[in-house]
N, C-alpha and C. Protein backbone atom coordinates (compact mmCIF):
# COMPACT_ATOMS: atom_id res chain seq x y z
N ARG A 1 40.05 34.43 -46.98
CA ARG A 1 39.13 34.88 -47.98
C ARG A 1 38.72 36.30 -47.67
N VAL A 2 38.30 37.00 -48.68
CA VAL A 2 37.79 38.37 -48.55
C VAL A 2 36.26 38.30 -48.60
N PHE A 3 35.58 39.12 -47.82
CA PHE A 3 34.13 39.10 -47.80
C PHE A 3 33.58 40.51 -47.72
N GLY A 4 32.32 40.66 -48.11
CA GLY A 4 31.59 41.91 -47.97
C GLY A 4 30.43 41.71 -47.03
N HIS A 5 30.01 42.77 -46.39
CA HIS A 5 28.95 42.68 -45.39
C HIS A 5 28.04 43.90 -45.53
N SER A 6 26.75 43.67 -45.45
CA SER A 6 25.78 44.76 -45.51
C SER A 6 24.88 44.67 -44.29
N TYR A 7 24.58 45.81 -43.67
CA TYR A 7 23.69 45.87 -42.52
C TYR A 7 22.65 46.95 -42.81
N TYR A 8 21.38 46.58 -42.72
CA TYR A 8 20.30 47.53 -42.95
C TYR A 8 19.26 47.37 -41.85
N ALA A 9 18.87 48.48 -41.24
CA ALA A 9 17.81 48.47 -40.23
C ALA A 9 16.94 49.69 -40.43
N THR A 10 15.66 49.57 -40.16
CA THR A 10 14.73 50.68 -40.32
C THR A 10 13.77 50.70 -39.14
N ALA A 11 13.27 51.89 -38.83
CA ALA A 11 12.32 52.03 -37.73
C ALA A 11 11.43 53.24 -37.95
N GLU A 12 10.19 53.13 -37.49
CA GLU A 12 9.28 54.26 -37.43
C GLU A 12 9.31 54.76 -35.99
N LEU A 13 9.92 55.91 -35.76
CA LEU A 13 10.14 56.41 -34.40
C LEU A 13 8.98 57.28 -33.94
N PRO A 14 8.69 57.28 -32.63
CA PRO A 14 7.59 58.08 -32.09
C PRO A 14 7.99 59.54 -31.89
N ASP A 15 7.06 60.32 -31.38
CA ASP A 15 7.30 61.72 -30.98
C ASP A 15 7.80 62.60 -32.11
N GLY A 16 7.31 62.38 -33.31
CA GLY A 16 7.67 63.23 -34.44
C GLY A 16 9.09 63.08 -34.93
N GLU A 17 9.80 62.03 -34.51
CA GLU A 17 11.17 61.81 -34.97
C GLU A 17 11.21 61.26 -36.39
N GLY A 18 10.09 60.77 -36.89
CA GLY A 18 10.02 60.26 -38.26
C GLY A 18 10.59 58.87 -38.41
N ASP A 19 10.84 58.53 -39.65
CA ASP A 19 11.41 57.23 -39.98
C ASP A 19 12.93 57.36 -40.07
N VAL A 20 13.63 56.28 -39.74
CA VAL A 20 15.09 56.28 -39.83
C VAL A 20 15.54 54.98 -40.49
N ASP A 21 16.53 55.09 -41.32
CA ASP A 21 17.16 53.94 -41.97
C ASP A 21 18.64 53.95 -41.62
N ILE A 22 19.15 52.82 -41.17
CA ILE A 22 20.57 52.65 -40.89
C ILE A 22 21.10 51.71 -41.97
N ASN A 23 22.09 52.16 -42.71
CA ASN A 23 22.62 51.38 -43.82
C ASN A 23 24.14 51.42 -43.75
N ARG A 24 24.75 50.28 -43.49
CA ARG A 24 26.22 50.21 -43.37
C ARG A 24 26.75 49.13 -44.31
N LEU A 25 27.89 49.39 -44.89
CA LEU A 25 28.60 48.42 -45.71
C LEU A 25 29.96 48.16 -45.10
N GLY A 26 30.41 46.93 -45.21
CA GLY A 26 31.71 46.57 -44.67
C GLY A 26 32.44 45.63 -45.60
N VAL A 27 33.74 45.63 -45.46
CA VAL A 27 34.60 44.71 -46.21
C VAL A 27 35.64 44.19 -45.23
N GLY A 28 35.99 42.92 -45.39
CA GLY A 28 36.93 42.34 -44.45
C GLY A 28 37.62 41.12 -44.98
N GLY A 29 38.38 40.51 -44.11
CA GLY A 29 39.10 39.29 -44.45
C GLY A 29 38.92 38.26 -43.35
N GLU A 30 38.95 37.00 -43.76
CA GLU A 30 38.80 35.90 -42.81
C GLU A 30 39.97 34.94 -42.99
N TYR A 31 40.50 34.50 -41.86
CA TYR A 31 41.57 33.51 -41.86
C TYR A 31 41.06 32.27 -41.14
N ARG A 32 41.25 31.10 -41.76
CA ARG A 32 40.81 29.86 -41.15
C ARG A 32 41.99 28.91 -41.02
N ALA A 33 42.11 28.33 -39.85
CA ALA A 33 43.07 27.26 -39.61
C ALA A 33 42.29 26.10 -39.00
N ARG A 34 42.98 25.05 -38.65
CA ARG A 34 42.30 23.85 -38.15
C ARG A 34 41.47 24.12 -36.90
N HIS A 35 42.01 24.89 -35.94
CA HIS A 35 41.31 25.12 -34.67
C HIS A 35 40.99 26.59 -34.42
N PHE A 36 41.18 27.45 -35.42
CA PHE A 36 40.98 28.88 -35.20
C PHE A 36 40.40 29.53 -36.46
N THR A 37 39.47 30.46 -36.25
CA THR A 37 38.95 31.31 -37.31
C THR A 37 39.00 32.74 -36.81
N GLY A 38 39.55 33.63 -37.62
CA GLY A 38 39.63 35.04 -37.25
C GLY A 38 39.18 35.93 -38.38
N THR A 39 38.49 37.03 -38.04
CA THR A 39 38.04 37.97 -39.06
C THR A 39 38.37 39.40 -38.63
N VAL A 40 38.60 40.23 -39.63
CA VAL A 40 38.79 41.66 -39.46
C VAL A 40 37.88 42.32 -40.49
N GLU A 41 37.09 43.32 -40.04
CA GLU A 41 36.17 44.00 -40.95
C GLU A 41 36.20 45.50 -40.69
N ILE A 42 36.15 46.27 -41.76
CA ILE A 42 36.02 47.72 -41.69
C ILE A 42 34.67 48.06 -42.30
N SER A 43 33.86 48.87 -41.58
CA SER A 43 32.54 49.22 -42.09
C SER A 43 32.35 50.73 -42.05
N GLU A 44 31.43 51.19 -42.87
CA GLU A 44 31.15 52.63 -42.99
C GLU A 44 29.67 52.81 -43.26
N ALA A 45 29.10 53.88 -42.70
CA ALA A 45 27.70 54.21 -42.96
C ALA A 45 27.58 54.84 -44.34
N LEU A 46 26.48 54.53 -45.05
CA LEU A 46 26.25 55.09 -46.37
C LEU A 46 25.61 56.48 -46.29
N ASP A 47 25.26 56.93 -45.09
CA ASP A 47 24.66 58.25 -44.90
C ASP A 47 25.27 58.86 -43.64
N ASN A 48 24.60 59.77 -43.00
CA ASN A 48 25.14 60.46 -41.83
C ASN A 48 24.84 59.74 -40.51
N THR A 49 24.52 58.47 -40.54
CA THR A 49 24.06 57.79 -39.33
C THR A 49 25.18 57.21 -38.48
N GLY A 50 26.43 57.41 -38.84
CA GLY A 50 27.48 56.87 -37.98
C GLY A 50 28.84 56.98 -38.59
N ASP A 51 29.83 56.70 -37.77
CA ASP A 51 31.23 56.76 -38.17
C ASP A 51 31.68 55.41 -38.72
N ALA A 52 32.92 55.40 -39.18
CA ALA A 52 33.53 54.15 -39.61
C ALA A 52 33.74 53.27 -38.39
N GLY A 53 33.79 51.98 -38.61
CA GLY A 53 33.98 51.04 -37.51
C GLY A 53 34.86 49.88 -37.90
N VAL A 54 35.46 49.27 -36.90
CA VAL A 54 36.31 48.10 -37.09
C VAL A 54 35.77 46.99 -36.21
N THR A 55 35.68 45.80 -36.77
CA THR A 55 35.25 44.62 -36.02
C THR A 55 36.35 43.57 -36.08
N LEU A 56 36.72 43.05 -34.92
CA LEU A 56 37.66 41.95 -34.81
C LEU A 56 36.91 40.79 -34.17
N ALA A 57 36.97 39.62 -34.76
CA ALA A 57 36.26 38.46 -34.22
C ALA A 57 37.10 37.21 -34.39
N GLY A 58 36.90 36.27 -33.50
CA GLY A 58 37.64 35.02 -33.59
C GLY A 58 36.94 33.90 -32.85
N SER A 59 37.18 32.68 -33.30
CA SER A 59 36.67 31.48 -32.66
C SER A 59 37.80 30.48 -32.52
N TRP A 60 37.89 29.87 -31.35
CA TRP A 60 38.91 28.86 -31.09
C TRP A 60 38.21 27.57 -30.72
N LEU A 61 38.56 26.48 -31.40
CA LEU A 61 38.00 25.16 -31.15
C LEU A 61 39.11 24.25 -30.66
N PRO A 62 39.34 24.17 -29.34
CA PRO A 62 40.43 23.33 -28.84
C PRO A 62 40.21 21.84 -29.08
N ASN A 63 38.93 21.43 -29.20
CA ASN A 63 38.60 20.04 -29.51
C ASN A 63 37.21 20.01 -30.13
N ASP A 64 36.64 18.83 -30.31
CA ASP A 64 35.33 18.70 -30.95
C ASP A 64 34.18 19.18 -30.08
N ALA A 65 34.37 19.31 -28.78
CA ALA A 65 33.28 19.64 -27.88
C ALA A 65 33.21 21.14 -27.56
N TRP A 66 34.33 21.81 -27.41
CA TRP A 66 34.35 23.19 -26.93
C TRP A 66 34.60 24.19 -28.05
N THR A 67 33.93 25.36 -27.96
CA THR A 67 34.19 26.50 -28.85
C THR A 67 34.18 27.76 -27.99
N VAL A 68 35.20 28.58 -28.16
CA VAL A 68 35.29 29.86 -27.47
C VAL A 68 35.33 30.94 -28.55
N SER A 69 34.41 31.91 -28.47
CA SER A 69 34.31 32.97 -29.47
C SER A 69 34.39 34.33 -28.79
N ALA A 70 34.98 35.29 -29.50
CA ALA A 70 35.06 36.66 -28.99
C ALA A 70 34.91 37.63 -30.15
N MET A 71 34.38 38.84 -29.84
CA MET A 71 34.23 39.87 -30.87
C MET A 71 34.36 41.24 -30.21
N LEU A 72 35.08 42.13 -30.88
CA LEU A 72 35.20 43.53 -30.47
C LEU A 72 34.70 44.39 -31.62
N GLN A 73 33.84 45.37 -31.33
CA GLN A 73 33.33 46.28 -32.35
C GLN A 73 33.56 47.71 -31.89
N SER A 74 34.23 48.51 -32.74
CA SER A 74 34.41 49.93 -32.40
C SER A 74 33.17 50.74 -32.74
N TYR A 75 32.32 50.24 -33.63
CA TYR A 75 30.99 50.81 -33.90
C TYR A 75 30.01 49.67 -33.74
N SER A 76 29.41 49.56 -32.55
CA SER A 76 28.60 48.40 -32.21
C SER A 76 27.22 48.44 -32.85
N LEU A 77 26.81 47.31 -33.39
CA LEU A 77 25.46 47.17 -33.93
C LEU A 77 24.46 46.79 -32.84
N LEU A 78 24.90 46.72 -31.58
CA LEU A 78 24.01 46.46 -30.45
C LEU A 78 23.37 47.74 -29.93
N VAL A 79 23.76 48.89 -30.44
CA VAL A 79 23.16 50.16 -30.06
C VAL A 79 21.79 50.26 -30.72
N PRO A 80 20.74 50.64 -29.97
CA PRO A 80 19.40 50.73 -30.57
C PRO A 80 19.33 51.76 -31.71
N ILE A 81 18.43 51.52 -32.65
CA ILE A 81 18.28 52.40 -33.82
C ILE A 81 17.92 53.82 -33.38
N ARG A 82 17.06 53.96 -32.39
CA ARG A 82 16.66 55.29 -31.94
C ARG A 82 17.86 56.05 -31.37
N ALA A 83 18.76 55.36 -30.69
CA ALA A 83 19.98 56.00 -30.19
C ALA A 83 20.88 56.40 -31.35
N MET A 84 21.03 55.52 -32.36
CA MET A 84 21.84 55.86 -33.54
C MET A 84 21.30 57.10 -34.23
N ASN A 85 19.98 57.21 -34.30
CA ASN A 85 19.35 58.37 -34.94
C ASN A 85 19.67 59.67 -34.20
N GLN A 86 19.96 59.60 -32.91
CA GLN A 86 20.31 60.77 -32.12
C GLN A 86 21.81 61.02 -32.08
N GLY A 87 22.57 60.28 -32.90
CA GLY A 87 24.01 60.47 -32.96
C GLY A 87 24.79 59.73 -31.90
N ILE A 88 24.13 58.81 -31.20
CA ILE A 88 24.80 58.01 -30.17
C ILE A 88 25.33 56.73 -30.80
N ASP A 89 26.57 56.41 -30.52
CA ASP A 89 27.13 55.15 -30.98
C ASP A 89 27.74 54.44 -29.78
N GLY A 90 28.45 53.38 -30.01
CA GLY A 90 29.03 52.65 -28.88
C GLY A 90 30.03 51.61 -29.34
N GLU A 91 30.80 51.17 -28.40
CA GLU A 91 31.76 50.09 -28.61
C GLU A 91 31.26 48.88 -27.83
N SER A 92 31.57 47.68 -28.32
CA SER A 92 31.09 46.50 -27.62
C SER A 92 32.14 45.39 -27.63
N ALA A 93 32.02 44.52 -26.61
CA ALA A 93 32.85 43.33 -26.50
C ALA A 93 31.92 42.16 -26.20
N ASP A 94 32.10 41.06 -26.90
CA ASP A 94 31.28 39.86 -26.73
C ASP A 94 32.20 38.67 -26.48
N LEU A 95 31.75 37.78 -25.60
CA LEU A 95 32.47 36.55 -25.32
C LEU A 95 31.46 35.43 -25.20
N ALA A 96 31.71 34.29 -25.83
CA ALA A 96 30.79 33.15 -25.77
C ALA A 96 31.59 31.86 -25.63
N VAL A 97 31.01 30.92 -24.88
CA VAL A 97 31.59 29.59 -24.71
C VAL A 97 30.48 28.59 -25.00
N GLN A 98 30.78 27.62 -25.86
CA GLN A 98 29.78 26.60 -26.20
C GLN A 98 30.37 25.22 -25.96
N TYR A 99 29.54 24.33 -25.41
CA TYR A 99 29.91 22.93 -25.23
C TYR A 99 28.93 22.06 -26.01
N ARG A 100 29.45 21.19 -26.87
CA ARG A 100 28.63 20.28 -27.68
C ARG A 100 28.87 18.85 -27.23
N TRP A 101 27.82 18.20 -26.75
CA TRP A 101 27.93 16.78 -26.45
C TRP A 101 27.99 15.99 -27.76
N ASN A 102 27.16 16.41 -28.73
CA ASN A 102 27.12 15.81 -30.07
C ASN A 102 26.40 16.80 -30.98
N GLU A 103 26.09 16.40 -32.22
CA GLU A 103 25.42 17.31 -33.16
C GLU A 103 24.04 17.73 -32.71
N GLY A 104 23.41 16.97 -31.84
CA GLY A 104 22.05 17.25 -31.44
C GLY A 104 21.89 17.78 -30.03
N HIS A 105 22.99 18.17 -29.38
CA HIS A 105 22.88 18.61 -28.00
C HIS A 105 24.04 19.56 -27.67
N ASN A 106 23.70 20.82 -27.35
CA ASN A 106 24.74 21.77 -26.97
C ASN A 106 24.18 22.81 -26.01
N ILE A 107 25.10 23.48 -25.33
CA ILE A 107 24.75 24.59 -24.45
C ILE A 107 25.73 25.72 -24.73
N ARG A 108 25.21 26.96 -24.70
CA ARG A 108 26.04 28.13 -25.03
C ARG A 108 25.80 29.23 -24.00
N PHE A 109 26.89 29.75 -23.43
CA PHE A 109 26.87 30.88 -22.51
C PHE A 109 27.51 32.05 -23.23
N ALA A 110 26.85 33.21 -23.23
CA ALA A 110 27.37 34.38 -23.92
C ALA A 110 27.19 35.62 -23.06
N GLY A 111 28.12 36.54 -23.19
CA GLY A 111 28.03 37.80 -22.47
C GLY A 111 28.47 38.94 -23.37
N SER A 112 27.88 40.11 -23.17
CA SER A 112 28.22 41.30 -23.96
C SER A 112 28.35 42.49 -23.02
N TYR A 113 29.20 43.41 -23.41
CA TYR A 113 29.35 44.68 -22.70
C TYR A 113 29.36 45.77 -23.76
N VAL A 114 28.43 46.73 -23.65
CA VAL A 114 28.32 47.81 -24.62
C VAL A 114 28.55 49.12 -23.88
N ASP A 115 29.47 49.94 -24.39
CA ASP A 115 29.78 51.25 -23.83
C ASP A 115 29.26 52.31 -24.80
N PHE A 116 28.13 52.97 -24.44
CA PHE A 116 27.50 53.96 -25.30
C PHE A 116 28.25 55.30 -25.20
N SER A 117 28.21 56.09 -26.25
CA SER A 117 28.88 57.38 -26.25
C SER A 117 28.19 58.41 -25.36
N ASP A 118 26.96 58.14 -24.89
CA ASP A 118 26.27 59.06 -23.99
C ASP A 118 26.50 58.72 -22.52
N GLY A 119 27.41 57.80 -22.23
CA GLY A 119 27.74 57.43 -20.86
C GLY A 119 27.04 56.19 -20.34
N ASN A 120 26.05 55.69 -21.03
CA ASN A 120 25.34 54.48 -20.63
C ASN A 120 26.22 53.26 -20.90
N THR A 121 26.11 52.25 -20.05
CA THR A 121 26.75 50.96 -20.30
C THR A 121 25.69 49.87 -20.16
N ARG A 122 25.81 48.84 -20.97
CA ARG A 122 24.86 47.72 -20.93
C ARG A 122 25.64 46.43 -20.77
N LYS A 123 25.20 45.59 -19.83
CA LYS A 123 25.78 44.27 -19.61
C LYS A 123 24.70 43.25 -19.95
N VAL A 124 25.05 42.22 -20.71
CA VAL A 124 24.09 41.23 -21.18
C VAL A 124 24.64 39.83 -20.92
N LEU A 125 23.78 38.95 -20.41
CA LEU A 125 24.09 37.52 -20.30
C LEU A 125 23.00 36.75 -21.02
N HIS A 126 23.41 35.70 -21.73
CA HIS A 126 22.48 34.92 -22.54
C HIS A 126 22.89 33.45 -22.47
N ILE A 127 21.93 32.57 -22.21
CA ILE A 127 22.19 31.13 -22.16
C ILE A 127 21.21 30.44 -23.11
N ASN A 128 21.73 29.56 -23.96
CA ASN A 128 20.92 28.73 -24.87
C ASN A 128 21.25 27.26 -24.62
N HIS A 129 20.23 26.43 -24.56
CA HIS A 129 20.42 24.99 -24.47
C HIS A 129 19.59 24.35 -25.58
N TYR A 130 20.25 23.62 -26.48
CA TYR A 130 19.59 22.99 -27.64
C TYR A 130 19.73 21.48 -27.51
N HIS A 131 18.62 20.76 -27.72
CA HIS A 131 18.71 19.31 -27.75
C HIS A 131 17.60 18.73 -28.61
N ARG A 132 17.98 17.73 -29.38
CA ARG A 132 17.00 17.02 -30.20
C ARG A 132 16.25 16.02 -29.32
N VAL A 133 14.95 15.96 -29.53
CA VAL A 133 14.14 15.01 -28.76
C VAL A 133 13.64 13.86 -29.62
N PHE A 134 13.65 14.04 -30.95
CA PHE A 134 13.25 12.97 -31.86
C PHE A 134 13.98 13.18 -33.19
N GLU A 135 14.44 12.07 -33.76
CA GLU A 135 15.10 12.17 -35.06
C GLU A 135 15.01 10.83 -35.78
N ASN A 136 14.62 10.91 -37.05
CA ASN A 136 14.74 9.75 -37.94
C ASN A 136 15.24 10.26 -39.28
N GLU A 137 15.17 9.46 -40.31
CA GLU A 137 15.76 9.86 -41.60
C GLU A 137 15.03 11.01 -42.29
N HIS A 138 13.79 11.33 -41.90
CA HIS A 138 13.03 12.39 -42.56
C HIS A 138 12.62 13.54 -41.64
N HIS A 139 12.63 13.33 -40.32
CA HIS A 139 12.10 14.35 -39.41
C HIS A 139 13.03 14.54 -38.21
N THR A 140 13.15 15.79 -37.79
CA THR A 140 13.89 16.12 -36.58
C THR A 140 13.06 17.09 -35.75
N ILE A 141 12.91 16.78 -34.47
CA ILE A 141 12.23 17.67 -33.54
C ILE A 141 13.22 18.00 -32.43
N ALA A 142 13.35 19.30 -32.15
CA ALA A 142 14.29 19.73 -31.12
C ALA A 142 13.66 20.81 -30.26
N LEU A 143 14.21 20.99 -29.08
CA LEU A 143 13.80 22.05 -28.16
C LEU A 143 15.00 22.94 -27.88
N MET A 144 14.73 24.24 -27.74
CA MET A 144 15.78 25.16 -27.34
C MET A 144 15.25 26.02 -26.19
N GLU A 145 15.90 25.91 -25.04
CA GLU A 145 15.56 26.73 -23.89
C GLU A 145 16.53 27.91 -23.86
N GLN A 146 15.99 29.10 -23.55
CA GLN A 146 16.81 30.31 -23.58
C GLN A 146 16.54 31.14 -22.33
N ALA A 147 17.59 31.79 -21.83
CA ALA A 147 17.47 32.76 -20.74
C ALA A 147 18.32 33.96 -21.11
N TYR A 148 17.76 35.16 -20.88
CA TYR A 148 18.42 36.41 -21.24
C TYR A 148 18.28 37.40 -20.09
N TRP A 149 19.34 38.14 -19.79
CA TRP A 149 19.31 39.18 -18.76
C TRP A 149 20.20 40.32 -19.20
N SER A 150 19.74 41.56 -18.97
CA SER A 150 20.58 42.72 -19.24
C SER A 150 20.39 43.76 -18.16
N GLU A 151 21.40 44.61 -18.00
CA GLU A 151 21.38 45.70 -17.03
C GLU A 151 22.00 46.93 -17.68
N ASN A 152 21.36 48.09 -17.49
CA ASN A 152 21.83 49.34 -18.07
C ASN A 152 22.12 50.35 -16.97
N SER A 153 23.22 51.10 -17.12
CA SER A 153 23.60 52.04 -16.07
C SER A 153 22.78 53.32 -16.10
N ALA A 154 22.29 53.75 -17.28
CA ALA A 154 21.57 55.02 -17.37
C ALA A 154 20.09 54.87 -17.05
N GLY A 155 19.56 53.68 -17.03
CA GLY A 155 18.14 53.47 -16.72
C GLY A 155 17.24 54.17 -17.72
N ASP A 156 16.14 54.73 -17.23
CA ASP A 156 15.15 55.36 -18.10
C ASP A 156 15.49 56.81 -18.45
N ASP A 157 16.67 57.29 -18.11
CA ASP A 157 17.03 58.69 -18.31
C ASP A 157 17.47 59.02 -19.73
N VAL A 158 17.27 58.13 -20.67
CA VAL A 158 17.65 58.37 -22.07
C VAL A 158 16.42 58.23 -22.96
N LEU A 159 16.50 58.70 -24.20
CA LEU A 159 15.33 58.72 -25.09
C LEU A 159 15.11 57.42 -25.85
N TYR A 160 16.01 56.46 -25.74
CA TYR A 160 15.83 55.17 -26.40
C TYR A 160 15.44 54.13 -25.35
N TYR A 161 14.94 52.97 -25.80
CA TYR A 161 14.50 51.93 -24.87
C TYR A 161 15.70 51.44 -24.09
N ASN A 162 15.66 51.59 -22.76
CA ASN A 162 16.82 51.31 -21.94
C ASN A 162 16.39 51.05 -20.49
N PRO A 163 15.73 49.94 -20.20
CA PRO A 163 15.29 49.69 -18.83
C PRO A 163 16.49 49.48 -17.89
N ASP A 164 16.26 49.72 -16.59
CA ASP A 164 17.32 49.47 -15.61
C ASP A 164 17.86 48.05 -15.76
N SER A 165 16.95 47.10 -15.86
CA SER A 165 17.32 45.71 -16.13
C SER A 165 16.12 45.02 -16.74
N ASP A 166 16.37 43.96 -17.47
CA ASP A 166 15.28 43.17 -18.04
C ASP A 166 15.75 41.74 -18.20
N TYR A 167 14.80 40.84 -18.34
CA TYR A 167 15.12 39.43 -18.53
C TYR A 167 14.02 38.78 -19.34
N SER A 168 14.34 37.66 -19.91
CA SER A 168 13.34 36.87 -20.61
C SER A 168 13.72 35.40 -20.54
N LEU A 169 12.71 34.56 -20.57
CA LEU A 169 12.87 33.12 -20.64
C LEU A 169 12.11 32.65 -21.86
N GLY A 170 12.68 31.70 -22.57
CA GLY A 170 12.01 31.23 -23.78
C GLY A 170 12.17 29.74 -23.99
N LEU A 171 11.18 29.19 -24.66
CA LEU A 171 11.21 27.79 -25.06
C LEU A 171 10.80 27.76 -26.53
N THR A 172 11.66 27.22 -27.36
CA THR A 172 11.41 27.16 -28.79
C THR A 172 11.30 25.71 -29.22
N PHE A 173 10.27 25.42 -29.99
CA PHE A 173 10.05 24.10 -30.57
C PHE A 173 10.51 24.17 -32.02
N LEU A 174 11.45 23.32 -32.42
CA LEU A 174 12.00 23.34 -33.78
C LEU A 174 11.67 22.03 -34.49
N TYR A 175 11.15 22.17 -35.70
CA TYR A 175 10.85 20.99 -36.53
C TYR A 175 11.54 21.16 -37.86
N ASP A 176 12.23 20.16 -38.31
CA ASP A 176 12.86 20.14 -39.62
C ASP A 176 12.48 18.81 -40.27
N GLY A 177 11.80 18.89 -41.41
CA GLY A 177 11.37 17.68 -42.08
C GLY A 177 11.67 17.74 -43.56
N ILE A 178 12.01 16.62 -44.13
CA ILE A 178 12.25 16.53 -45.57
C ILE A 178 10.91 16.29 -46.24
N LEU A 179 10.48 17.27 -47.04
CA LEU A 179 9.20 17.16 -47.72
C LEU A 179 9.32 16.45 -49.06
N TRP A 180 10.48 16.61 -49.69
CA TRP A 180 10.69 15.98 -51.00
C TRP A 180 12.18 15.75 -51.19
N ARG A 181 12.55 14.58 -51.72
CA ARG A 181 13.95 14.30 -52.00
C ARG A 181 14.04 13.45 -53.26
N ARG A 182 14.99 13.81 -54.12
CA ARG A 182 15.28 13.03 -55.31
C ARG A 182 16.75 13.13 -55.55
N TYR A 183 17.45 12.02 -55.38
CA TYR A 183 18.90 11.95 -55.52
C TYR A 183 19.58 12.99 -54.63
N GLU A 184 20.31 13.93 -55.20
CA GLU A 184 21.05 14.92 -54.41
C GLU A 184 20.22 16.14 -54.01
N LYS A 185 19.00 16.27 -54.52
CA LYS A 185 18.17 17.45 -54.25
C LYS A 185 17.14 17.12 -53.21
N GLN A 186 16.90 18.06 -52.30
CA GLN A 186 15.85 17.87 -51.31
C GLN A 186 15.23 19.21 -50.94
N PHE A 187 13.97 19.15 -50.55
CA PHE A 187 13.22 20.31 -50.09
C PHE A 187 12.78 20.03 -48.68
N SER A 188 13.18 20.88 -47.73
CA SER A 188 12.82 20.61 -46.33
C SER A 188 12.25 21.87 -45.70
């Protein structure tokens, strides 16, 4: 199938840099087979905020439990808006592995590597664990535990947010409930 993609980001920057809007449009194609999905996308900035970019992505499902995903971007959307405003862009590579015990329980390990045009590199690791703790015909309650870590080679020597390293831990409580249902229609 053929698809279109739009990316819009805005920021109010400090130090008299003003406001910046990043607006990119892309067009691509997706191929789906029984155990594989692959996409190719070409994107372009609608203003002077960046060059054309190519994204290649794919997912492989060897069985019902495992999923392996990868993505390469020649114009990475992981670059901060303030860096884009200064003419800095980057290339990125992402790899993720997910294991699903069932529909209500999975764990996902993901890593990213971003190579900025100003010489900075960023390494990111991210772990998500999702599991349902209660479920009946109208209500689902789940928990998602998250851990994130990143490291940057340039440290604080750049004008955009770029700590030497950072981490975060998170716990998310998710509730999904059916508020109204009539035949095939439902509001949740």
